[in-house]
Amino acid sequence: MRLLACLLLLVSCAVCSAAARLEAVTTDAPPFNMLDGAAPSGFATDILREMSEAAGLELQIQFLPWPRALLYAKQNPNILIYTIARTPEREAQYEWIGPFARHQSFFWKLASRKDVRVDTLSDVRRYRVATVRGDAQTDLMLKLDIVDPALLQLVSDGDTPMRMLLAGRIDLVIANEIGIAWRMKQHGMSGTDVERTAMLMDGAGYYFALGKGTDPALLARLRKAFTEVNERGSPQRLLERYLPGCKAWANGCPQLLNLSLNGR
């Protein structure tokens, strides 16, 4: 009897220990999520750390190629994925927590490329584009059939399109204002070096998500923690660490990108 009690106690402790951990998967998409050496960084990562602390969870983060991260989180309950755009196609596949930042994507060109003119999405078909495989904006672009497949290059990381743009190997990149502002900062560019052209999407926002079948108690715990950190202004405060002057939700980065609030 005493042996049985000890075994039950050990099982109970193991379950409690597992419940106290949160496994998250993400990919390199600065300044939302990135590696600083070997350490996970980025303002979405910092938000998740505050959420985990508020929820009393030990956070473990694994970086994967984005298509693998999406599949892993979708197929395995209780695994959190970030930073993920909430789209109609993904709606039924995940449980959603957020949003914590605006999801609005544009096509961008070098200001020096006067030969590239994109006034509407139909103009994109004339130009070379590079984008990340499996990304929501990539999926939408392919669904709308606005790019010539012969001029499209799918890559595995977010910095490659910017390097290709600077090298003259492509004509357009797709990005939100926060992402392009970070890339420009890393490449020593100013706000006058790029121009925003046609908008591709104005989505529901950027989220944290977990696969269907996730433990309802864990989901409720994380949603409560997100509400706490969001109400104290953590998303904006943490973004300011990486890109002072950018807004997590309203107006993006107009000062850094030399944009008017209403125009291009």
C-alpha atoms as a PDB file:
ATOM      1  CA  MET A   1       0.000   0.000   0.000  1.00  0.00           C
ATOM      2  CA  ARG A   2       2.835   2.322   0.909  1.00  0.00           C
ATOM      3  CA  LEU A   3       4.582   1.431  -2.378  1.00  0.00           C
ATOM      4  CA  LEU A   4       1.421   2.244  -4.348  1.00  0.00           C
ATOM      5  CA  ALA A   5       1.126   5.614  -2.618  1.00  0.00           C
ATOM      6  CA  CYS A   6       4.728   6.435  -3.478  1.00  0.00           C
ATOM      7  CA  LEU A   7       4.174   5.492  -7.121  1.00  0.00           C
ATOM      8  CA  LEU A   8       1.069   7.681  -7.312  1.00  0.00           C
ATOM      9  CA  LEU A   9       3.016  10.557  -5.784  1.00  0.00           C
ATOM     10  CA  LEU A  10       5.798  10.153  -8.350  1.00  0.00           C
ATOM     11  CA  VAL A  11       3.294  10.119 -11.223  1.00  0.00           C
ATOM     12  CA  SER A  12       1.563  13.165  -9.797  1.00  0.00           C
ATOM     13  CA  CYS A  13       4.865  15.048  -9.526  1.00  0.00           C
ATOM     14  CA  ALA A  14       5.786  14.155 -13.111  1.00  0.00           C
ATOM     15  CA  VAL A  15       2.449  15.452 -14.386  1.00  0.00           C
ATOM     16  CA  CYS A  16       2.838  18.672 -12.398  1.00  0.00           C
ATOM     17  CA  SER A  17       6.367  19.123 -13.734  1.00  0.00           C
ATOM     18  CA  ALA A  18       5.210  18.626 -17.330  1.00  0.00           C
ATOM     19  CA  ALA A  19       2.339  21.041 -16.805  1.00  0.00           C
ATOM     20  CA  ALA A  20       4.768  23.659 -15.492  1.00  0.00           C
ATOM     21  CA  ARG A  21       6.685  23.742 -18.770  1.00  0.00           C
ATOM     22  CA  LEU A  22       5.711  25.510 -21.981  1.00  0.00           C
ATOM     23  CA  GLU A  23       7.352  24.397 -25.216  1.00  0.00           C
ATOM     24  CA  ALA A  24       7.351  26.998 -27.982  1.00  0.00           C
ATOM     25  CA  VAL A  25       8.522  26.883 -31.593  1.00  0.00           C
ATOM     26  CA  THR A  26       9.375  29.835 -33.776  1.00  0.00           C
ATOM     27  CA  THR A  27      11.653  30.912 -36.605  1.00  0.00           C
ATOM     28  CA  ASP A  28      14.057  33.746 -37.351  1.00  0.00           C
ATOM     29  CA  ALA A  29      11.856  36.777 -38.095  1.00  0.00           C
ATOM     30  CA  PRO A  30      13.394  39.835 -36.424  1.00  0.00           C
ATOM     31  CA  PRO A  31      12.616  41.918 -34.554  1.00  0.00           C
ATOM     32  CA  PHE A  32       9.688  39.688 -33.531  1.00  0.00           C
ATOM     33  CA  ASN A  33      11.724  36.525 -32.897  1.00  0.00           C
ATOM     34  CA  MET A  34      15.432  35.960 -33.478  1.00  0.00           C
ATOM     35  CA  LEU A  35      18.593  34.535 -31.957  1.00  0.00           C
ATOM     36  CA  ASP A  36      21.104  36.735 -30.144  1.00  0.00           C
ATOM     37  CA  GLY A  37      23.998  34.324 -30.321  1.00  0.00           C
ATOM     38  CA  ALA A  38      22.365  31.176 -28.966  1.00  0.00           C
ATOM     39  CA  ALA A  39      19.769  33.027 -26.882  1.00  0.00           C
ATOM     40  CA  PRO A  40      16.188  33.553 -28.138  1.00  0.00           C
ATOM     41  CA  SER A  41      15.465  37.262 -28.491  1.00  0.00           C
ATOM     42  CA  GLY A  42      13.037  39.693 -30.130  1.00  0.00           C
ATOM     43  CA  PHE A  43      10.094  41.634 -28.823  1.00  0.00           C
ATOM     44  CA  ALA A  44       7.564  38.805 -29.331  1.00  0.00           C
ATOM     45  CA  THR A  45       9.930  36.493 -27.455  1.00  0.00           C
ATOM     46  CA  ASP A  46      10.119  39.040 -24.651  1.00  0.00           C
ATOM     47  CA  ILE A  47       6.306  39.221 -24.508  1.00  0.00           C
ATOM     48  CA  LEU A  48       6.154  35.424 -24.314  1.00  0.00           C
ATOM     49  CA  ARG A  49       8.692  35.413 -21.485  1.00  0.00           C
ATOM     50  CA  GLU A  50       6.533  37.842 -19.507  1.00  0.00           C
ATOM     51  CA  MET A  51       3.470  35.694 -20.225  1.00  0.00           C
ATOM     52  CA  SER A  52       5.244  32.534 -19.082  1.00  0.00           C
ATOM     53  CA  GLU A  53       6.374  34.215 -15.894  1.00  0.00           C
ATOM     54  CA  ALA A  54       2.846  35.475 -15.187  1.00  0.00           C
ATOM     55  CA  ALA A  55       1.457  31.985 -15.841  1.00  0.00           C
ATOM     56  CA  GLY A  56       4.100  30.257 -13.713  1.00  0.00           C
ATOM     57  CA  LEU A  57       5.458  28.268 -16.661  1.00  0.00           C
ATOM     58  CA  GLU A  58       9.032  27.350 -17.516  1.00  0.00           C
ATOM     59  CA  LEU A  59       9.562  28.426 -21.138  1.00  0.00           C
ATOM     60  CA  GLN A  60      11.545  26.385 -23.652  1.00  0.00           C
ATOM     61  CA  ILE A  61      11.962  27.810 -27.183  1.00  0.00           C
ATOM     62  CA  GLN A  62      13.080  25.920 -30.281  1.00  0.00           C
ATOM     63  CA  PHE A  63      13.930  27.644 -33.578  1.00  0.00           C
ATOM     64  CA  LEU A  64      12.857  25.775 -36.721  1.00  0.00           C
ATOM     65  CA  PRO A  65      12.325  26.550 -40.414  1.00  0.00           C
ATOM     66  CA  TRP A  66       8.869  28.142 -40.594  1.00  0.00           C
ATOM     67  CA  PRO A  67       7.073  25.338 -42.516  1.00  0.00           C
ATOM     68  CA  ARG A  68       8.341  22.788 -39.967  1.00  0.00           C
ATOM     69  CA  ALA A  69       7.322  25.004 -37.043  1.00  0.00           C
ATOM     70  CA  LEU A  70       3.788  25.358 -38.458  1.00  0.00           C
ATOM     71  CA  LEU A  71       3.408  21.615 -38.961  1.00  0.00           C
ATOM     72  CA  TYR A  72       4.882  20.723 -35.561  1.00  0.00           C
ATOM     73  CA  ALA A  73       2.545  23.056 -33.663  1.00  0.00           C
ATOM     74  CA  LYS A  74      -0.487  22.001 -35.711  1.00  0.00           C
ATOM     75  CA  GLN A  75       0.126  18.289 -35.115  1.00  0.00           C
ATOM     76  CA  ASN A  76       1.160  18.455 -31.450  1.00  0.00           C
ATOM     77  CA  PRO A  77      -1.213  19.857 -28.810  1.00  0.00           C
ATOM     78  CA  ASN A  78       0.208  22.097 -26.050  1.00  0.00           C
ATOM     79  CA  ILE A  79       2.988  23.407 -28.335  1.00  0.00           C
ATOM     80  CA  LEU A  80       2.930  27.192 -28.779  1.00  0.00           C
ATOM     81  CA  ILE A  81       3.979  28.808 -32.070  1.00  0.00           C
ATOM     82  CA  TYR A  82       4.831  32.441 -32.707  1.00  0.00           C
ATOM     83  CA  THR A  83       4.897  34.975 -34.380  1.00  0.00           C
ATOM     84  CA  ILE A  84       1.957  33.801 -36.502  1.00  0.00           C
ATOM     85  CA  ALA A  85      -0.486  35.779 -38.624  1.00  0.00           C
ATOM     86  CA  ARG A  86      -4.133  34.921 -38.088  1.00  0.00           C
ATOM     87  CA  THR A  87      -5.665  34.186 -41.491  1.00  0.00           C
ATOM     88  CA  PRO A  88      -8.937  32.572 -42.628  1.00  0.00           C
ATOM     89  CA  GLU A  89      -6.992  29.538 -43.879  1.00  0.00           C
ATOM     90  CA  ARG A  90      -5.342  29.012 -40.482  1.00  0.00           C
ATOM     91  CA  GLU A  91      -8.331  29.947 -38.312  1.00  0.00           C
ATOM     92  CA  ALA A  92      -9.599  26.420 -37.586  1.00  0.00           C
ATOM     93  CA  GLN A  93      -6.129  24.884 -37.213  1.00  0.00           C
ATOM     94  CA  TYR A  94      -5.042  26.667 -34.023  1.00  0.00           C
ATOM     95  CA  GLU A  95      -6.157  28.185 -30.741  1.00  0.00           C
ATOM     96  CA  TRP A  96      -5.273  31.898 -30.792  1.00  0.00           C
ATOM     97  CA  ILE A  97      -3.790  34.223 -28.155  1.00  0.00           C
ATOM     98  CA  GLY A  98      -3.433  37.912 -28.981  1.00  0.00           C
ATOM     99  CA  PRO A  99      -3.098  39.954 -31.058  1.00  0.00           C
ATOM    100  CA  PHE A 100       0.022  41.805 -29.972  1.00  0.00           C
ATOM    101  CA  ALA A 101       0.978  43.639 -33.191  1.00  0.00           C
ATOM    102  CA  ARG A 102      -0.580  44.817 -36.419  1.00  0.00           C
ATOM    103  CA  HIS A 103      -0.288  42.611 -39.484  1.00  0.00           C
ATOM    104  CA  GLN A 104      -0.162  44.803 -42.550  1.00  0.00           C
ATOM    105  CA  SER A 105       2.118  43.857 -45.450  1.00  0.00           C
ATOM    106  CA  PHE A 106       3.335  45.862 -48.445  1.00  0.00           C
ATOM    107  CA  PHE A 107       5.558  45.409 -51.451  1.00  0.00           C
ATOM    108  CA  TRP A 108       8.764  47.450 -51.090  1.00  0.00           C
ATOM    109  CA  LYS A 109      11.306  48.537 -53.693  1.00  0.00           C
ATOM    110  CA  LEU A 110      14.577  50.412 -53.644  1.00  0.00           C
ATOM    111  CA  ALA A 111      13.961  54.143 -54.057  1.00  0.00           C
ATOM    112  CA  SER A 112      16.726  54.252 -56.647  1.00  0.00           C
ATOM    113  CA  ARG A 113      14.835  51.816 -58.904  1.00  0.00           C
ATOM    114  CA  LYS A 114      12.792  54.323 -60.915  1.00  0.00           C
ATOM    115  CA  ASP A 115      12.091  51.594 -63.457  1.00  0.00           C
ATOM    116  CA  VAL A 116      10.010  49.661 -60.905  1.00  0.00           C
ATOM    117  CA  ARG A 117       6.481  51.023 -60.591  1.00  0.00           C
ATOM    118  CA  VAL A 118       3.792  49.235 -58.596  1.00  0.00           C
ATOM    119  CA  ASP A 119       0.544  51.151 -58.237  1.00  0.00           C
ATOM    120  CA  THR A 120      -1.764  48.136 -57.928  1.00  0.00           C
ATOM    121  CA  LEU A 121      -1.280  44.450 -57.144  1.00  0.00           C
ATOM    122  CA  SER A 122      -1.679  43.580 -60.829  1.00  0.00           C
ATOM    123  CA  ASP A 123       1.584  45.457 -61.499  1.00  0.00           C
ATOM    124  CA  VAL A 124       3.533  42.996 -59.316  1.00  0.00           C
ATOM    125  CA  ARG A 125       3.379  40.343 -62.037  1.00  0.00           C
ATOM    126  CA  ARG A 126       6.001  42.211 -64.072  1.00  0.00           C
ATOM    127  CA  TYR A 127       8.680  42.022 -61.394  1.00  0.00           C
ATOM    128  CA  ARG A 128      10.994  39.599 -59.596  1.00  0.00           C
ATOM    129  CA  VAL A 129       9.924  38.851 -56.016  1.00  0.00           C
ATOM    130  CA  ALA A 130      11.524  36.855 -53.185  1.00  0.00           C
ATOM    131  CA  THR A 131       9.584  35.754 -50.127  1.00  0.00           C
ATOM    132  CA  VAL A 132       9.699  33.205 -47.297  1.00  0.00           C
ATOM    133  CA  ARG A 133       8.216  29.794 -47.984  1.00  0.00           C
ATOM    134  CA  GLY A 134       5.109  29.044 -45.886  1.00  0.00           C
ATOM    135  CA  ASP A 135       4.609  32.640 -44.728  1.00  0.00           C
ATOM    136  CA  ALA A 136       1.027  33.968 -44.656  1.00  0.00           C
ATOM    137  CA  GLN A 137       1.813  36.750 -47.102  1.00  0.00           C
ATOM    138  CA  THR A 138       3.467  34.235 -49.439  1.00  0.00           C
ATOM    139  CA  ASP A 139       0.406  31.997 -49.297  1.00  0.00           C
ATOM    140  CA  LEU A 140      -1.902  34.923 -50.058  1.00  0.00           C
ATOM    141  CA  MET A 141       0.230  36.139 -52.947  1.00  0.00           C
ATOM    142  CA  LEU A 142       0.133  32.677 -54.503  1.00  0.00           C
ATOM    143  CA  LYS A 143      -3.605  32.334 -53.873  1.00  0.00           C
ATOM    144  CA  LEU A 144      -4.303  35.649 -55.609  1.00  0.00           C
ATOM    145  CA  ASP A 145      -1.978  34.688 -58.480  1.00  0.00           C
ATOM    146  CA  ILE A 146      -0.431  38.151 -58.584  1.00  0.00           C
ATOM    147  CA  VAL A 147       3.149  37.009 -59.181  1.00  0.00           C
ATOM    148  CA  ASP A 148       4.650  35.301 -62.205  1.00  0.00           C
ATOM    149  CA  PRO A 149       5.913  31.893 -60.956  1.00  0.00           C
ATOM    150  CA  ALA A 150       8.946  32.271 -63.212  1.00  0.00           C
ATOM    151  CA  LEU A 151       9.887  35.487 -61.372  1.00  0.00           C
ATOM    152  CA  LEU A 152       9.231  34.202 -57.837  1.00  0.00           C
ATOM    153  CA  GLN A 153      11.962  32.933 -55.522  1.00  0.00           C
ATOM    154  CA  LEU A 154      10.944  31.143 -52.313  1.00  0.00           C
ATOM    155  CA  VAL A 155      13.561  31.287 -49.548  1.00  0.00           C
ATOM    156  CA  SER A 156      13.889  29.890 -46.026  1.00  0.00           C
ATOM    157  CA  ASP A 157      14.762  33.012 -44.034  1.00  0.00           C
ATOM    158  CA  GLY A 158      13.626  36.619 -43.864  1.00  0.00           C
ATOM    159  CA  ASP A 159      16.930  38.358 -44.496  1.00  0.00           C
ATOM    160  CA  THR A 160      17.656  36.725 -47.857  1.00  0.00           C
ATOM    161  CA  PRO A 161      15.043  38.782 -49.776  1.00  0.00           C
ATOM    162  CA  MET A 162      16.548  42.048 -48.493  1.00  0.00           C
ATOM    163  CA  ARG A 163      20.066  40.967 -49.480  1.00  0.00           C
ATOM    164  CA  MET A 164      18.778  39.948 -52.898  1.00  0.00           C
ATOM    165  CA  LEU A 165      17.025  43.325 -53.271  1.00  0.00           C
ATOM    166  CA  LEU A 166      20.221  45.213 -52.414  1.00  0.00           C
ATOM    167  CA  ALA A 167      22.207  43.072 -54.852  1.00  0.00           C
ATOM    168  CA  GLY A 168      19.768  43.766 -57.694  1.00  0.00           C
ATOM    169  CA  ARG A 169      18.740  40.122 -57.988  1.00  0.00           C
ATOM    170  CA  ILE A 170      15.058  40.914 -57.345  1.00  0.00           C
ATOM    171  CA  ASP A 171      12.836  43.970 -57.709  1.00  0.00           C
ATOM    172  CA  LEU A 172      10.416  43.696 -54.764  1.00  0.00           C
ATOM    173  CA  VAL A 173      10.214  42.333 -51.222  1.00  0.00           C
ATOM    174  CA  ILE A 174       7.108  41.825 -49.065  1.00  0.00           C
ATOM    175  CA  ALA A 175       7.167  42.970 -45.453  1.00  0.00           C
ATOM    176  CA  ASN A 176       5.325  44.769 -42.691  1.00  0.00           C
ATOM    177  CA  GLU A 177       6.700  48.118 -41.538  1.00  0.00           C
ATOM    178  CA  ILE A 178       8.266  46.750 -38.360  1.00  0.00           C
ATOM    179  CA  GLY A 179      10.083  43.997 -40.255  1.00  0.00           C
ATOM    180  CA  ILE A 180      11.385  46.234 -43.049  1.00  0.00           C
ATOM    181  CA  ALA A 181      12.500  48.898 -40.563  1.00  0.00           C
ATOM    182  CA  TRP A 182      14.569  46.293 -38.734  1.00  0.00           C
ATOM    183  CA  ARG A 183      16.134  44.940 -41.936  1.00  0.00           C
ATOM    184  CA  MET A 184      17.071  48.455 -43.011  1.00  0.00           C
ATOM    185  CA  LYS A 185      18.637  49.146 -39.636  1.00  0.00           C
ATOM    186  CA  GLN A 186      20.711  45.959 -39.861  1.00  0.00           C
ATOM    187  CA  HIS A 187      21.891  46.825 -43.373  1.00  0.00           C
ATOM    188  CA  GLY A 188      22.783  50.436 -42.496  1.00  0.00           C
ATOM    189  CA  MET A 189      20.028  51.920 -44.651  1.00  0.00           C
ATOM    190  CA  SER A 190      17.989  55.075 -44.104  1.00  0.00           C
ATOM    191  CA  GLY A 191      14.261  55.665 -44.486  1.00  0.00           C
ATOM    192  CA  THR A 192      14.754  57.225 -47.901  1.00  0.00           C
ATOM    193  CA  ASP A 193      16.422  54.119 -49.347  1.00  0.00           C
ATOM    194  CA  VAL A 194      13.189  52.159 -49.853  1.00  0.00           C
ATOM    195  CA  GLU A 195       9.689  52.991 -51.055  1.00  0.00           C
ATOM    196  CA  ARG A 196       6.442  51.380 -50.005  1.00  0.00           C
ATOM    197  CA  THR A 197       4.195  50.421 -52.920  1.00  0.00           C
ATOM    198  CA  ALA A 198       0.958  48.394 -53.074  1.00  0.00           C
ATOM    199  CA  MET A 199      -0.527  46.804 -49.963  1.00  0.00           C
ATOM    200  CA  LEU A 200      -0.804  43.027 -50.067  1.00  0.00           C
ATOM    201  CA  MET A 201      -2.786  42.433 -46.884  1.00  0.00           C
ATOM    202  CA  ASP A 202      -4.223  44.101 -43.798  1.00  0.00           C
ATOM    203  CA  GLY A 203      -4.795  41.148 -41.510  1.00  0.00           C
ATOM    204  CA  ALA A 204      -6.193  40.391 -38.088  1.00  0.00           C
ATOM    205  CA  GLY A 205      -2.839  40.841 -36.376  1.00  0.00           C
ATOM    206  CA  TYR A 206       0.128  38.825 -35.136  1.00  0.00           C
ATOM    207  CA  TYR A 207      -0.593  36.173 -32.513  1.00  0.00           C
ATOM    208  CA  PHE A 208       0.664  33.351 -30.363  1.00  0.00           C
ATOM    209  CA  ALA A 209      -1.126  30.084 -31.170  1.00  0.00           C
ATOM    210  CA  LEU A 210      -1.423  26.469 -30.045  1.00  0.00           C
ATOM    211  CA  GLY A 211      -2.674  23.443 -31.946  1.00  0.00           C
ATOM    212  CA  LYS A 212      -6.173  22.058 -31.627  1.00  0.00           C
ATOM    213  CA  GLY A 213      -6.510  19.597 -28.739  1.00  0.00           C
ATOM    214  CA  THR A 214      -4.406  21.760 -26.428  1.00  0.00           C
ATOM    215  CA  ASP A 215      -5.230  21.346 -22.737  1.00  0.00           C
ATOM    216  CA  PRO A 216      -8.009  23.889 -22.003  1.00  0.00           C
ATOM    217  CA  ALA A 217      -6.440  24.683 -18.626  1.00  0.00           C
ATOM    218  CA  LEU A 218      -3.126  25.562 -20.261  1.00  0.00           C
ATOM    219  CA  LEU A 219      -4.883  27.663 -22.883  1.00  0.00           C
ATOM    220  CA  ALA A 220      -6.861  29.563 -20.251  1.00  0.00           C
ATOM    221  CA  ARG A 221      -3.693  30.098 -18.224  1.00  0.00           C
ATOM    222  CA  LEU A 222      -1.861  31.592 -21.192  1.00  0.00           C
ATOM    223  CA  ARG A 223      -4.783  33.759 -22.293  1.00  0.00           C
ATOM    224  CA  LYS A 224      -5.072  35.176 -18.779  1.00  0.00           C
ATOM    225  CA  ALA A 225      -1.321  35.851 -18.736  1.00  0.00           C
ATOM    226  CA  PHE A 226      -1.478  37.586 -22.126  1.00  0.00           C
ATOM    227  CA  THR A 227      -4.307  39.816 -20.941  1.00  0.00           C
ATOM    228  CA  GLU A 228      -2.193  40.832 -17.949  1.00  0.00           C
ATOM    229  CA  VAL A 229       0.929  41.711 -19.942  1.00  0.00           C
ATOM    230  CA  ASN A 230      -1.072  43.398 -22.700  1.00  0.00           C
ATOM    231  CA  GLU A 231      -2.996  45.582 -20.261  1.00  0.00           C
ATOM    232  CA  ARG A 232       0.234  46.853 -18.736  1.00  0.00           C
ATOM    233  CA  GLY A 233       1.488  47.862 -22.193  1.00  0.00           C
ATOM    234  CA  SER A 234       4.235  45.281 -22.589  1.00  0.00           C
ATOM    235  CA  PRO A 235       4.012  44.823 -26.410  1.00  0.00           C
ATOM    236  CA  GLN A 236       4.701  48.503 -27.094  1.00  0.00           C
ATOM    237  CA  ARG A 237       7.282  48.832 -24.313  1.00  0.00           C
ATOM    238  CA  LEU A 238       9.199  45.772 -25.501  1.00  0.00           C
ATOM    239  CA  LEU A 239       9.101  46.809 -29.182  1.00  0.00           C
ATOM    240  CA  GLU A 240      10.673  50.136 -28.197  1.00  0.00           C
ATOM    241  CA  ARG A 241      13.776  48.225 -27.020  1.00  0.00           C
ATOM    242  CA  TYR A 242      14.449  47.166 -30.604  1.00  0.00           C
ATOM    243  CA  LEU A 243      12.922  49.940 -32.719  1.00  0.00           C
ATOM    244  CA  PRO A 244      12.319  53.200 -30.846  1.00  0.00           C
ATOM    245  CA  GLY A 245       9.594  55.169 -32.602  1.00  0.00           C
ATOM    246  CA  CYS A 246       7.734  52.154 -33.997  1.00  0.00           C
ATOM    247  CA  LYS A 247       4.223  51.298 -32.868  1.00  0.00           C
ATOM    248  CA  ALA A 248       3.134  47.723 -32.276  1.00  0.00           C
ATOM    249  CA  TRP A 249      -0.403  48.386 -33.440  1.00  0.00           C
ATOM    250  CA  ALA A 250      -1.059  51.849 -34.928  1.00  0.00           C
ATOM    251  CA  ASN A 251       0.799  53.485 -37.816  1.00  0.00           C
ATOM    252  CA  GLY A 252       3.835  51.164 -37.801  1.00  0.00           C
ATOM    253  CA  CYS A 253       7.145  52.996 -38.255  1.00  0.00           C
ATOM    254  CA  PRO A 254       6.392  56.162 -40.267  1.00  0.00           C
ATOM    255  CA  GLN A 255       9.297  58.155 -38.815  1.00  0.00           C
ATOM    256  CA  LEU A 256      11.912  55.482 -39.549  1.00  0.00           C
ATOM    257  CA  LEU A 257      10.572  54.796 -43.042  1.00  0.00           C
ATOM    258  CA  ASN A 258      10.026  58.404 -44.121  1.00  0.00           C
ATOM    259  CA  LEU A 259       6.289  57.781 -44.566  1.00  0.00           C
ATOM    260  CA  SER A 260       3.330  60.036 -44.108  1.00  0.00           C
ATOM    261  CA  LEU A 261       0.560  58.453 -42.041  1.00  0.00           C
ATOM    262  CA  ASN A 262      -1.831  58.410 -44.996  1.00  0.00           C
ATOM    263  CA  GLY A 263       0.369  58.306 -48.058  1.00  0.00           C
ATOM    264  CA  ARG A 264       3.304  56.298 -49.319  1.00  0.00           C
END
